[in-house]
Amino acid sequence: MSEMLSYTEVATRMGVGVTGVKQLITDHKLLAIKTEQGMAVPAEALDGDVPVKHLSGVLTLLHDAGYTPEQAYTWLTTADDSLPGTPLQALHENRATEIKRRAQALAF
């Protein structure tokens, strides 16, 4: 598992309050998963001090397909030779169209 950030750490990076971080998670704009230490945000879900571009659209598609946050995280971080890399890496590299298409196909 990659580096995980507490809500407080994310709030500090983003320059918002913890309530703002929780709202981003509720709105599927940011991903949080259960860890042994409680709820945490994968550091790789951020691009500096903002959520990775297009992450919210993919999270919404995965949510609509019935994925839990933990399942979404697994899908986003599992290597796929046809990409290459992981879907999350592709989002970091601004290759969102293919990732959104694949996430949308999961609902069918």
PDB file of N, CA and C in Angstrom:
ATOM      1  N   MET A   1       0.853  -1.179   0.000  1.00  0.00           N
ATOM      2  CA  MET A   1       0.000   0.000   0.000  1.00  0.00           C
ATOM      3  C   MET A   1       0.896   1.238   0.000  1.00  0.00           C
ATOM      4  N   SER A   2       0.476   2.238  -0.716  1.00  0.00           N
ATOM      5  CA  SER A   2       1.274   3.452  -0.828  1.00  0.00           C
ATOM      6  C   SER A   2       1.151   4.315   0.424  1.00  0.00           C
ATOM      7  N   GLU A   3       1.807   5.448   0.397  1.00  0.00           N
ATOM      8  CA  GLU A   3       1.741   6.374   1.521  1.00  0.00           C
ATOM      9  C   GLU A   3       0.297   6.835   1.720  1.00  0.00           C
ATOM     10  N   MET A   4      -0.137   6.804   2.956  1.00  0.00           N
ATOM     11  CA  MET A   4      -1.492   7.223   3.296  1.00  0.00           C
ATOM     12  C   MET A   4      -1.417   8.481   4.160  1.00  0.00           C
ATOM     13  N   LEU A   5      -2.330   9.399   3.904  1.00  0.00           N
ATOM     14  CA  LEU A   5      -2.345  10.665   4.617  1.00  0.00           C
ATOM     15  C   LEU A   5      -3.606  10.776   5.470  1.00  0.00           C
ATOM     16  N   SER A   6      -3.451  11.330   6.661  1.00  0.00           N
ATOM     17  CA  SER A   6      -4.619  11.591   7.503  1.00  0.00           C
ATOM     18  C   SER A   6      -5.402  12.757   6.908  1.00  0.00           C
ATOM     19  N   TYR A   7      -6.647  12.893   7.329  1.00  0.00           N
ATOM     20  CA  TYR A   7      -7.445  14.025   6.863  1.00  0.00           C
ATOM     21  C   TYR A   7      -6.764  15.345   7.211  1.00  0.00           C
ATOM     22  N   THR A   8      -6.131  15.407   8.372  1.00  0.00           N
ATOM     23  CA  THR A   8      -5.439  16.628   8.794  1.00  0.00           C
ATOM     24  C   THR A   8      -4.279  16.937   7.856  1.00  0.00           C
ATOM     25  N   GLU A   9      -3.528  15.906   7.478  1.00  0.00           N
ATOM     26  CA  GLU A   9      -2.402  16.111   6.560  1.00  0.00           C
ATOM     27  C   GLU A   9      -2.894  16.593   5.189  1.00  0.00           C
ATOM     28  N   VAL A  10      -3.991  16.004   4.721  1.00  0.00           N
ATOM     29  CA  VAL A  10      -4.561  16.421   3.433  1.00  0.00           C
ATOM     30  C   VAL A  10      -5.054  17.860   3.529  1.00  0.00           C
ATOM     31  N   ALA A  11      -5.726  18.188   4.620  1.00  0.00           N
ATOM     32  CA  ALA A  11      -6.232  19.549   4.819  1.00  0.00           C
ATOM     33  C   ALA A  11      -5.093  20.564   4.784  1.00  0.00           C
ATOM     34  N   THR A  12      -3.993  20.231   5.434  1.00  0.00           N
ATOM     35  CA  THR A  12      -2.831  21.119   5.449  1.00  0.00           C
ATOM     36  C   THR A  12      -2.266  21.289   4.048  1.00  0.00           C
ATOM     37  N   ARG A  13      -2.106  20.196   3.316  1.00  0.00           N
ATOM     38  CA  ARG A  13      -1.580  20.275   1.938  1.00  0.00           C
ATOM     39  C   ARG A  13      -2.468  21.112   1.034  1.00  0.00           C
ATOM     40  N   MET A  14      -3.781  20.927   1.197  1.00  0.00           N
ATOM     41  CA  MET A  14      -4.724  21.581   0.294  1.00  0.00           C
ATOM     42  C   MET A  14      -5.104  22.994   0.755  1.00  0.00           C
ATOM     43  N   GLY A  15      -4.773  23.338   1.990  1.00  0.00           N
ATOM     44  CA  GLY A  15      -5.118  24.651   2.498  1.00  0.00           C
ATOM     45  C   GLY A  15      -6.601  24.805   2.790  1.00  0.00           C
ATOM     46  N   VAL A  16      -7.223  23.693   3.179  1.00  0.00           N
ATOM     47  CA  VAL A  16      -8.638  23.709   3.553  1.00  0.00           C
ATOM     48  C   VAL A  16      -8.759  23.070   4.932  1.00  0.00           C
ATOM     49  N   GLY A  17      -9.940  23.138   5.511  1.00  0.00           N
ATOM     50  CA  GLY A  17     -10.167  22.494   6.798  1.00  0.00           C
ATOM     51  C   GLY A  17     -10.463  21.013   6.615  1.00  0.00           C
ATOM     52  N   VAL A  18     -10.436  20.291   7.712  1.00  0.00           N
ATOM     53  CA  VAL A  18     -10.760  18.863   7.686  1.00  0.00           C
ATOM     54  C   VAL A  18     -12.175  18.653   7.165  1.00  0.00           C
ATOM     55  N   THR A  19     -13.077  19.566   7.513  1.00  0.00           N
ATOM     56  CA  THR A  19     -14.452  19.474   7.011  1.00  0.00           C
ATOM     57  C   THR A  19     -14.474  19.553   5.486  1.00  0.00           C
ATOM     58  N   GLY A  20     -13.628  20.389   4.913  1.00  0.00           N
ATOM     59  CA  GLY A  20     -13.532  20.500   3.463  1.00  0.00           C
ATOM     60  C   GLY A  20     -13.039  19.208   2.834  1.00  0.00           C
ATOM     61  N   VAL A  21     -12.086  18.554   3.479  1.00  0.00           N
ATOM     62  CA  VAL A  21     -11.578  17.266   2.987  1.00  0.00           C
ATOM     63  C   VAL A  21     -12.692  16.229   3.027  1.00  0.00           C
ATOM     64  N   LYS A  22     -13.418  16.185   4.125  1.00  0.00           N
ATOM     65  CA  LYS A  22     -14.522  15.227   4.248  1.00  0.00           C
ATOM     66  C   LYS A  22     -15.576  15.471   3.177  1.00  0.00           C
ATOM     67  N   GLN A  23     -15.844  16.735   2.860  1.00  0.00           N
ATOM     68  CA  GLN A  23     -16.828  17.048   1.826  1.00  0.00           C
ATOM     69  C   GLN A  23     -16.339  16.589   0.447  1.00  0.00           C
ATOM     70  N   LEU A  24     -15.048  16.769   0.171  1.00  0.00           N
ATOM     71  CA  LEU A  24     -14.482  16.298  -1.098  1.00  0.00           C
ATOM     72  C   LEU A  24     -14.632  14.779  -1.217  1.00  0.00           C
ATOM     73  N   ILE A  25     -14.459  14.083  -0.117  1.00  0.00           N
ATOM     74  CA  ILE A  25     -14.607  12.623  -0.116  1.00  0.00           C
ATOM     75  C   ILE A  25     -16.071  12.253  -0.334  1.00  0.00           C
ATOM     76  N   THR A  26     -16.968  12.918   0.364  1.00  0.00           N
ATOM     77  CA  THR A  26     -18.403  12.660   0.204  1.00  0.00           C
ATOM     78  C   THR A  26     -18.857  12.903  -1.233  1.00  0.00           C
ATOM     79  N   ASP A  27     -18.296  13.932  -1.853  1.00  0.00           N
ATOM     80  CA  ASP A  27     -18.665  14.305  -3.219  1.00  0.00           C
ATOM     81  C   ASP A  27     -17.921  13.487  -4.285  1.00  0.00           C
ATOM     82  N   HIS A  28     -17.167  12.482  -3.867  1.00  0.00           N
ATOM     83  CA  HIS A  28     -16.380  11.618  -4.772  1.00  0.00           C
ATOM     84  C   HIS A  28     -15.342  12.410  -5.574  1.00  0.00           C
ATOM     85  N   LYS A  29     -14.818  13.462  -4.975  1.00  0.00           N
ATOM     86  CA  LYS A  29     -13.768  14.241  -5.615  1.00  0.00           C
ATOM     87  C   LYS A  29     -12.390  13.807  -5.110  1.00  0.00           C
ATOM     88  N   LEU A  30     -12.403  13.054  -4.018  1.00  0.00           N
ATOM     89  CA  LEU A  30     -11.181  12.560  -3.395  1.00  0.00           C
ATOM     90  C   LEU A  30     -11.489  11.201  -2.789  1.00  0.00           C
ATOM     91  N   LEU A  31     -10.505  10.341  -2.747  1.00  0.00           N
ATOM     92  CA  LEU A  31     -10.669   8.970  -2.275  1.00  0.00           C
ATOM     93  C   LEU A  31     -10.124   8.816  -0.860  1.00  0.00           C
ATOM     94  N   ALA A  32     -10.876   8.158  -0.011  1.00  0.00           N
ATOM     95  CA  ALA A  32     -10.411   7.804   1.334  1.00  0.00           C
ATOM     96  C   ALA A  32     -10.762   6.350   1.573  1.00  0.00           C
ATOM     97  N   ILE A  33      -9.845   5.628   2.207  1.00  0.00           N
ATOM     98  CA  ILE A  33     -10.078   4.219   2.496  1.00  0.00           C
ATOM     99  C   ILE A  33      -9.783   3.934   3.964  1.00  0.00           C
ATOM    100  N   LYS A  34     -10.338   2.833   4.442  1.00  0.00           N
ATOM    101  CA  LYS A  34     -10.110   2.407   5.820  1.00  0.00           C
ATOM    102  C   LYS A  34      -8.729   1.775   5.923  1.00  0.00           C
ATOM    103  N   THR A  35      -7.991   2.191   6.934  1.00  0.00           N
ATOM    104  CA  THR A  35      -6.691   1.596   7.236  1.00  0.00           C
ATOM    105  C   THR A  35      -6.699   1.199   8.699  1.00  0.00           C
ATOM    106  N   GLU A  36      -5.636   0.583   9.147  1.00  0.00           N
ATOM    107  CA  GLU A  36      -5.538   0.212  10.563  1.00  0.00           C
ATOM    108  C   GLU A  36      -5.558   1.444  11.465  1.00  0.00           C
ATOM    109  N   GLN A  37      -5.128   2.585  10.934  1.00  0.00           N
ATOM    110  CA  GLN A  37      -5.106   3.825  11.710  1.00  0.00           C
ATOM    111  C   GLN A  37      -6.396   4.630  11.554  1.00  0.00           C
ATOM    112  N   GLY A  38      -7.348   4.140  10.805  1.00  0.00           N
ATOM    113  CA  GLY A  38      -8.588   4.872  10.546  1.00  0.00           C
ATOM    114  C   GLY A  38      -8.674   5.256   9.075  1.00  0.00           C
ATOM    115  N   MET A  39      -9.535   6.187   8.765  1.00  0.00           N
ATOM    116  CA  MET A  39      -9.703   6.623   7.392  1.00  0.00           C
ATOM    117  C   MET A  39      -8.497   7.446   6.953  1.00  0.00           C
ATOM    118  N   ALA A  40      -8.064   7.209   5.718  1.00  0.00           N
ATOM    119  CA  ALA A  40      -6.895   7.911   5.199  1.00  0.00           C
ATOM    120  C   ALA A  40      -7.028   8.092   3.691  1.00  0.00           C
ATOM    121  N   VAL A  41      -6.316   9.067   3.175  1.00  0.00           N
ATOM    122  CA  VAL A  41      -6.312   9.388   1.752  1.00  0.00           C
ATOM    123  C   VAL A  41      -4.979   8.937   1.162  1.00  0.00           C
ATOM    124  N   PRO A  42      -5.003   8.159   0.070  1.00  0.00           N
ATOM    125  CA  PRO A  42      -3.740   7.787  -0.577  1.00  0.00           C
ATOM    126  C   PRO A  42      -3.037   9.043  -1.091  1.00  0.00           C
ATOM    127  N   ALA A  43      -1.779   9.195  -0.766  1.00  0.00           N
ATOM    128  CA  ALA A  43      -1.020  10.379  -1.202  1.00  0.00           C
ATOM    129  C   ALA A  43      -1.033  10.506  -2.719  1.00  0.00           C
ATOM    130  N   GLU A  44      -1.054   9.382  -3.422  1.00  0.00           N
ATOM    131  CA  GLU A  44      -1.020   9.425  -4.884  1.00  0.00           C
ATOM    132  C   GLU A  44      -2.346   9.900  -5.492  1.00  0.00           C
ATOM    133  N   ALA A  45      -3.371  10.098  -4.654  1.00  0.00           N
ATOM    134  CA  ALA A  45      -4.632  10.666  -5.143  1.00  0.00           C
ATOM    135  C   ALA A  45      -4.538  12.186  -5.265  1.00  0.00           C
ATOM    136  N   LEU A  46      -3.423  12.736  -4.775  1.00  0.00           N
ATOM    137  CA  LEU A  46      -3.189  14.175  -4.865  1.00  0.00           C
ATOM    138  C   LEU A  46      -2.096  14.461  -5.882  1.00  0.00           C
ATOM    139  N   ASP A  47      -2.245  15.590  -6.529  1.00  0.00           N
ATOM    140  CA  ASP A  47      -1.215  16.110  -7.428  1.00  0.00           C
ATOM    141  C   ASP A  47      -0.784  17.426  -6.815  1.00  0.00           C
ATOM    142  N   GLY A  48       0.220  17.352  -5.971  1.00  0.00           N
ATOM    143  CA  GLY A  48       0.614  18.527  -5.206  1.00  0.00           C
ATOM    144  C   GLY A  48      -0.410  18.808  -4.129  1.00  0.00           C
ATOM    145  N   ASP A  49      -1.113  19.941  -4.270  1.00  0.00           N
ATOM    146  CA  ASP A  49      -2.096  20.322  -3.262  1.00  0.00           C
ATOM    147  C   ASP A  49      -3.534  20.237  -3.762  1.00  0.00           C
ATOM    148  N   VAL A  50      -3.746  19.509  -4.853  1.00  0.00           N
ATOM    149  CA  VAL A  50      -5.104  19.322  -5.390  1.00  0.00           C
ATOM    150  C   VAL A  50      -5.315  17.847  -5.750  1.00  0.00           C
ATOM    151  N   PRO A  51      -6.574  17.403  -5.788  1.00  0.00           N
ATOM    152  CA  PRO A  51      -6.822  16.030  -6.242  1.00  0.00           C
ATOM    153  C   PRO A  51      -6.351  15.859  -7.689  1.00  0.00           C
ATOM    154  N   VAL A  52      -5.939  14.664  -8.030  1.00  0.00           N
ATOM    155  CA  VAL A  52      -5.497  14.372  -9.394  1.00  0.00           C
ATOM    156  C   VAL A  52      -6.622  14.736 -10.363  1.00  0.00           C
ATOM    157  N   LYS A  53      -6.239  15.388 -11.449  1.00  0.00           N
ATOM    158  CA  LYS A  53      -7.214  15.796 -12.456  1.00  0.00           C
ATOM    159  C   LYS A  53      -7.964  14.568 -12.971  1.00  0.00           C
ATOM    160  N   HIS A  54      -9.262  14.684 -13.109  1.00  0.00           N
ATOM    161  CA  HIS A  54     -10.170  13.648 -13.599  1.00  0.00           C
ATOM    162  C   HIS A  54     -10.438  12.533 -12.594  1.00  0.00           C
ATOM    163  N   LEU A  55      -9.807  12.575 -11.415  1.00  0.00           N
ATOM    164  CA  LEU A  55     -10.061  11.542 -10.413  1.00  0.00           C
ATOM    165  C   LEU A  55     -11.526  11.533 -10.004  1.00  0.00           C
ATOM    166  N   SER A  56     -12.117  12.710  -9.853  1.00  0.00           N
ATOM    167  CA  SER A  56     -13.511  12.756  -9.399  1.00  0.00           C
ATOM    168  C   SER A  56     -14.447  12.060 -10.381  1.00  0.00           C
ATOM    169  N   GLY A  57     -14.234  12.245 -11.670  1.00  0.00           N
ATOM    170  CA  GLY A  57     -15.084  11.585 -12.660  1.00  0.00           C
ATOM    171  C   GLY A  57     -14.957  10.074 -12.595  1.00  0.00           C
ATOM    172  N   VAL A  58     -13.739   9.601 -12.435  1.00  0.00           N
ATOM    173  CA  VAL A  58     -13.504   8.156 -12.350  1.00  0.00           C
ATOM    174  C   VAL A  58     -14.096   7.601 -11.051  1.00  0.00           C
ATOM    175  N   LEU A  59     -13.923   8.324  -9.941  1.00  0.00           N
ATOM    176  CA  LEU A  59     -14.492   7.862  -8.670  1.00  0.00           C
ATOM    177  C   LEU A  59     -16.013   7.785  -8.750  1.00  0.00           C
ATOM    178  N   THR A  60     -16.632   8.745  -9.404  1.00  0.00           N
ATOM    179  CA  THR A  60     -18.088   8.715  -9.565  1.00  0.00           C
ATOM    180  C   THR A  60     -18.510   7.509 -10.389  1.00  0.00           C
ATOM    181  N   LEU A  61     -17.804   7.241 -11.477  1.00  0.00           N
ATOM    182  CA  LEU A  61     -18.120   6.075 -12.310  1.00  0.00           C
ATOM    183  C   LEU A  61     -17.968   4.778 -11.524  1.00  0.00           C
ATOM    184  N   LEU A  62     -16.893   4.662 -10.754  1.00  0.00           N
ATOM    185  CA  LEU A  62     -16.673   3.452  -9.959  1.00  0.00           C
ATOM    186  C   LEU A  62     -17.735   3.317  -8.868  1.00  0.00           C
ATOM    187  N   HIS A  63     -18.091   4.429  -8.235  1.00  0.00           N
ATOM    188  CA  HIS A  63     -19.154   4.407  -7.224  1.00  0.00           C
ATOM    189  C   HIS A  63     -20.467   3.945  -7.855  1.00  0.00           C
ATOM    190  N   ASP A  64     -20.783   4.491  -9.014  1.00  0.00           N
ATOM    191  CA  ASP A  64     -22.022   4.119  -9.707  1.00  0.00           C
ATOM    192  C   ASP A  64     -22.016   2.648 -10.126  1.00  0.00           C
ATOM    193  N   ALA A  65     -20.818   2.089 -10.325  1.00  0.00           N
ATOM    194  CA  ALA A  65     -20.688   0.674 -10.677  1.00  0.00           C
ATOM    195  C   ALA A  65     -20.764  -0.223  -9.444  1.00  0.00           C
ATOM    196  N   GLY A  66     -20.905   0.375  -8.253  1.00  0.00           N
ATOM    197  CA  GLY A  66     -21.049  -0.403  -7.028  1.00  0.00           C
ATOM    198  C   GLY A  66     -19.752  -0.666  -6.288  1.00  0.00           C
ATOM    199  N   TYR A  67     -18.673  -0.009  -6.694  1.00  0.00           N
ATOM    200  CA  TYR A  67     -17.392  -0.211  -6.033  1.00  0.00           C
ATOM    201  C   TYR A  67     -17.361   0.510  -4.690  1.00  0.00           C
ATOM    202  N   THR A  68     -16.819  -0.162  -3.675  1.00  0.00           N
ATOM    203  CA  THR A  68     -16.548   0.496  -2.402  1.00  0.00           C
ATOM    204  C   THR A  68     -15.284   1.342  -2.588  1.00  0.00           C
ATOM    205  N   PRO A  69     -15.010   2.258  -1.685  1.00  0.00           N
ATOM    206  CA  PRO A  69     -13.759   3.020  -1.812  1.00  0.00           C
ATOM    207  C   PRO A  69     -12.520   2.115  -1.846  1.00  0.00           C
ATOM    208  N   GLU A  70     -12.547   1.050  -1.055  1.00  0.00           N
ATOM    209  CA  GLU A  70     -11.395   0.135  -1.050  1.00  0.00           C
ATOM    210  C   GLU A  70     -11.257  -0.581  -2.396  1.00  0.00           C
ATOM    211  N   GLN A  71     -12.373  -0.999  -2.984  1.00  0.00           N
ATOM    212  CA  GLN A  71     -12.334  -1.638  -4.294  1.00  0.00           C
ATOM    213  C   GLN A  71     -11.889  -0.642  -5.372  1.00  0.00           C
ATOM    214  N   ALA A  72     -12.348   0.591  -5.267  1.00  0.00           N
ATOM    215  CA  ALA A  72     -11.929   1.627  -6.209  1.00  0.00           C
ATOM    216  C   ALA A  72     -10.425   1.850  -6.110  1.00  0.00           C
ATOM    217  N   TYR A  73      -9.902   1.907  -4.888  1.00  0.00           N
ATOM    218  CA  TYR A  73      -8.465   2.094  -4.693  1.00  0.00           C
ATOM    219  C   TYR A  73      -7.694   0.932  -5.316  1.00  0.00           C
ATOM    220  N   THR A  74      -8.164  -0.285  -5.090  1.00  0.00           N
ATOM    221  CA  THR A  74      -7.500  -1.456  -5.677  1.00  0.00           C
ATOM    222  C   THR A  74      -7.508  -1.366  -7.192  1.00  0.00           C
ATOM    223  N   TRP A  75      -8.647  -1.014  -7.778  1.00  0.00           N
ATOM    224  CA  TRP A  75      -8.746  -0.898  -9.239  1.00  0.00           C
ATOM    225  C   TRP A  75      -7.799   0.184  -9.762  1.00  0.00           C
ATOM    226  N   LEU A  76      -7.767   1.315  -9.070  1.00  0.00           N
ATOM    227  CA  LEU A  76      -6.938   2.433  -9.508  1.00  0.00           C
ATOM    228  C   LEU A  76      -5.439   2.153  -9.392  1.00  0.00           C
ATOM    229  N   THR A  77      -5.056   1.260  -8.499  1.00  0.00           N
ATOM    230  CA  THR A  77      -3.628   1.034  -8.242  1.00  0.00           C
ATOM    231  C   THR A  77      -3.123  -0.325  -8.723  1.00  0.00           C
ATOM    232  N   THR A  78      -3.954  -1.056  -9.446  1.00  0.00           N
ATOM    233  CA  THR A  78      -3.523  -2.348  -9.986  1.00  0.00           C
ATOM    234  C   THR A  78      -2.944  -2.150 -11.376  1.00  0.00           C
ATOM    235  N   ALA A  79      -1.734  -2.639 -11.557  1.00  0.00           N
ATOM    236  CA  ALA A  79      -1.055  -2.490 -12.847  1.00  0.00           C
ATOM    237  C   ALA A  79      -1.821  -3.204 -13.951  1.00  0.00           C
ATOM    238  N   ASP A  80      -1.823  -2.587 -15.110  1.00  0.00           N
ATOM    239  CA  ASP A  80      -2.494  -3.137 -16.290  1.00  0.00           C
ATOM    240  C   ASP A  80      -1.542  -2.968 -17.466  1.00  0.00           C
ATOM    241  N   ASP A  81      -1.059  -4.091 -17.999  1.00  0.00           N
ATOM    242  CA  ASP A  81      -0.097  -4.051 -19.090  1.00  0.00           C
ATOM    243  C   ASP A  81      -0.625  -3.343 -20.335  1.00  0.00           C
ATOM    244  N   SER A  82      -1.938  -3.318 -20.500  1.00  0.00           N
ATOM    245  CA  SER A  82      -2.498  -2.685 -21.687  1.00  0.00           C
ATOM    246  C   SER A  82      -2.510  -1.154 -21.586  1.00  0.00           C
ATOM    247  N   LEU A  83      -2.201  -0.593 -20.417  1.00  0.00           N
ATOM    248  CA  LEU A  83      -2.213   0.871 -20.304  1.00  0.00           C
ATOM    249  C   LEU A  83      -0.926   1.536 -20.797  1.00  0.00           C
ATOM    250  N   PRO A  84       0.248   1.251 -20.438  1.00  0.00           N
ATOM    251  CA  PRO A  84       0.783   0.461 -19.324  1.00  0.00           C
ATOM    252  C   PRO A  84       0.728   1.241 -18.010  1.00  0.00           C
ATOM    253  N   GLY A  85       0.965   0.522 -16.910  1.00  0.00           N
ATOM    254  CA  GLY A  85       0.935   1.123 -15.583  1.00  0.00           C
ATOM    255  C   GLY A  85      -0.405   0.917 -14.923  1.00  0.00           C
ATOM    256  N   THR A  86      -0.697   1.778 -13.972  1.00  0.00           N
ATOM    257  CA  THR A  86      -1.969   1.691 -13.258  1.00  0.00           C
ATOM    258  C   THR A  86      -2.908   2.785 -13.766  1.00  0.00           C
ATOM    259  N   PRO A  87      -4.206   2.606 -13.564  1.00  0.00           N
ATOM    260  CA  PRO A  87      -5.132   3.678 -13.941  1.00  0.00           C
ATOM    261  C   PRO A  87      -4.796   5.011 -13.257  1.00  0.00           C
ATOM    262  N   LEU A  88      -4.365   4.968 -12.005  1.00  0.00           N
ATOM    263  CA  LEU A  88      -4.032   6.207 -11.307  1.00  0.00           C
ATOM    264  C   LEU A  88      -2.815   6.886 -11.936  1.00  0.00           C
ATOM    265  N   GLN A  89      -1.828   6.095 -12.346  1.00  0.00           N
ATOM    266  CA  GLN A  89      -0.675   6.670 -13.048  1.00  0.00           C
ATOM    267  C   GLN A  89      -1.118   7.331 -14.351  1.00  0.00           C
ATOM    268  N   ALA A  90      -2.036   6.682 -15.050  1.00  0.00           N
ATOM    269  CA  ALA A  90      -2.543   7.242 -16.305  1.00  0.00           C
ATOM    270  C   ALA A  90      -3.237   8.576 -16.051  1.00  0.00           C
ATOM    271  N   LEU A  91      -3.981   8.688 -14.954  1.00  0.00           N
ATOM    272  CA  LEU A  91      -4.619   9.964 -14.630  1.00  0.00           C
ATOM    273  C   LEU A  91      -3.577  11.042 -14.352  1.00  0.00           C
ATOM    274  N   HIS A  92      -2.510  10.677 -13.653  1.00  0.00           N
ATOM    275  CA  HIS A  92      -1.419  11.626 -13.393  1.00  0.00           C
ATOM    276  C   HIS A  92      -0.785  12.097 -14.694  1.00  0.00           C
ATOM    277  N   GLU A  93      -0.790  11.225 -15.696  1.00  0.00           N
ATOM    278  CA  GLU A  93      -0.167  11.539 -16.989  1.00  0.00           C
ATOM    279  C   GLU A  93      -1.168  12.120 -17.981  1.00  0.00           C
ATOM    280  N   ASN A  94      -2.326  12.531 -17.478  1.00  0.00           N
ATOM    281  CA  ASN A  94      -3.368  13.154 -18.288  1.00  0.00           C
ATOM    282  C   ASN A  94      -3.872  12.248 -19.410  1.00  0.00           C
ATOM    283  N   ARG A  95      -3.978  10.958 -19.111  1.00  0.00           N
ATOM    284  CA  ARG A  95      -4.541   9.983 -20.057  1.00  0.00           C
ATOM    285  C   ARG A  95      -5.889   9.500 -19.524  1.00  0.00           C
ATOM    286  N   ALA A  96      -6.770  10.447 -19.227  1.00  0.00           N
ATOM    287  CA  ALA A  96      -8.021  10.143 -18.538  1.00  0.00           C
ATOM    288  C   ALA A  96      -9.074   9.496 -19.426  1.00  0.00           C
ATOM    289  N   THR A  97      -9.080   9.772 -20.710  1.00  0.00           N
ATOM    290  CA  THR A  97     -10.151   9.276 -21.576  1.00  0.00           C
ATOM    291  C   THR A  97     -10.259   7.758 -21.517  1.00  0.00           C
ATOM    292  N   GLU A  98      -9.150   7.063 -21.631  1.00  0.00           N
ATOM    293  CA  GLU A  98      -9.153   5.603 -21.602  1.00  0.00           C
ATOM    294  C   GLU A  98      -9.569   5.086 -20.228  1.00  0.00           C
ATOM    295  N   ILE A  99      -9.123   5.749 -19.177  1.00  0.00           N
ATOM    296  CA  ILE A  99      -9.456   5.310 -17.817  1.00  0.00           C
ATOM    297  C   ILE A  99     -10.950   5.485 -17.561  1.00  0.00           C
ATOM    298  N   LYS A 100     -11.503   6.599 -17.992  1.00  0.00           N
ATOM    299  CA  LYS A 100     -12.947   6.816 -17.828  1.00  0.00           C
ATOM    300  C   LYS A 100     -13.740   5.787 -18.624  1.00  0.00           C
ATOM    301  N   ARG A 101     -13.287   5.468 -19.821  1.00  0.00           N
ATOM    302  CA  ARG A 101     -13.973   4.472 -20.638  1.00  0.00           C
ATOM    303  C   ARG A 101     -13.977   3.121 -19.943  1.00  0.00           C
ATOM    304  N   ARG A 102     -12.843   2.740 -19.394  1.00  0.00           N
ATOM    305  CA  ARG A 102     -12.740   1.451 -18.699  1.00  0.00           C
ATOM    306  C   ARG A 102     -13.597   1.426 -17.434  1.00  0.00           C
ATOM    307  N   ALA A 103     -13.586   2.527 -16.689  1.00  0.00           N
ATOM    308  CA  ALA A 103     -14.401   2.594 -15.472  1.00  0.00           C
ATOM    309  C   ALA A 103     -15.888   2.541 -15.814  1.00  0.00           C
ATOM    310  N   GLN A 104     -16.273   3.206 -16.882  1.00  0.00           N
ATOM    311  CA  GLN A 104     -17.674   3.191 -17.302  1.00  0.00           C
ATOM    312  C   GLN A 104     -18.116   1.788 -17.714  1.00  0.00           C
ATOM    313  N   ALA A 105     -17.212   1.049 -18.349  1.00  0.00           N
ATOM    314  CA  ALA A 105     -17.534  -0.306 -18.803  1.00  0.00           C
ATOM    315  C   ALA A 105     -17.758  -1.257 -17.624  1.00  0.00           C
ATOM    316  N   LEU A 106     -17.227  -0.945 -16.464  1.00  0.00           N
ATOM    317  CA  LEU A 106     -17.381  -1.805 -15.292  1.00  0.00           C
ATOM    318  C   LEU A 106     -18.826  -1.854 -14.817  1.00  0.00           C
ATOM    319  N   ALA A 107     -19.607  -0.847 -15.145  1.00  0.00           N
ATOM    320  CA  ALA A 107     -20.999  -0.799 -14.689  1.00  0.00           C
ATOM    321  C   ALA A 107     -21.907  -1.709 -15.505  1.00  0.00           C
ATOM    322  N   PHE A 108     -21.398  -2.243 -16.601  1.00  0.00           N
ATOM    323  CA  PHE A 108     -22.248  -3.071 -17.478  1.00  0.00           C
ATOM    324  C   PHE A 108     -21.902  -4.530 -17.443  1.00  0.00           C
TER     325      PHE A 108
END
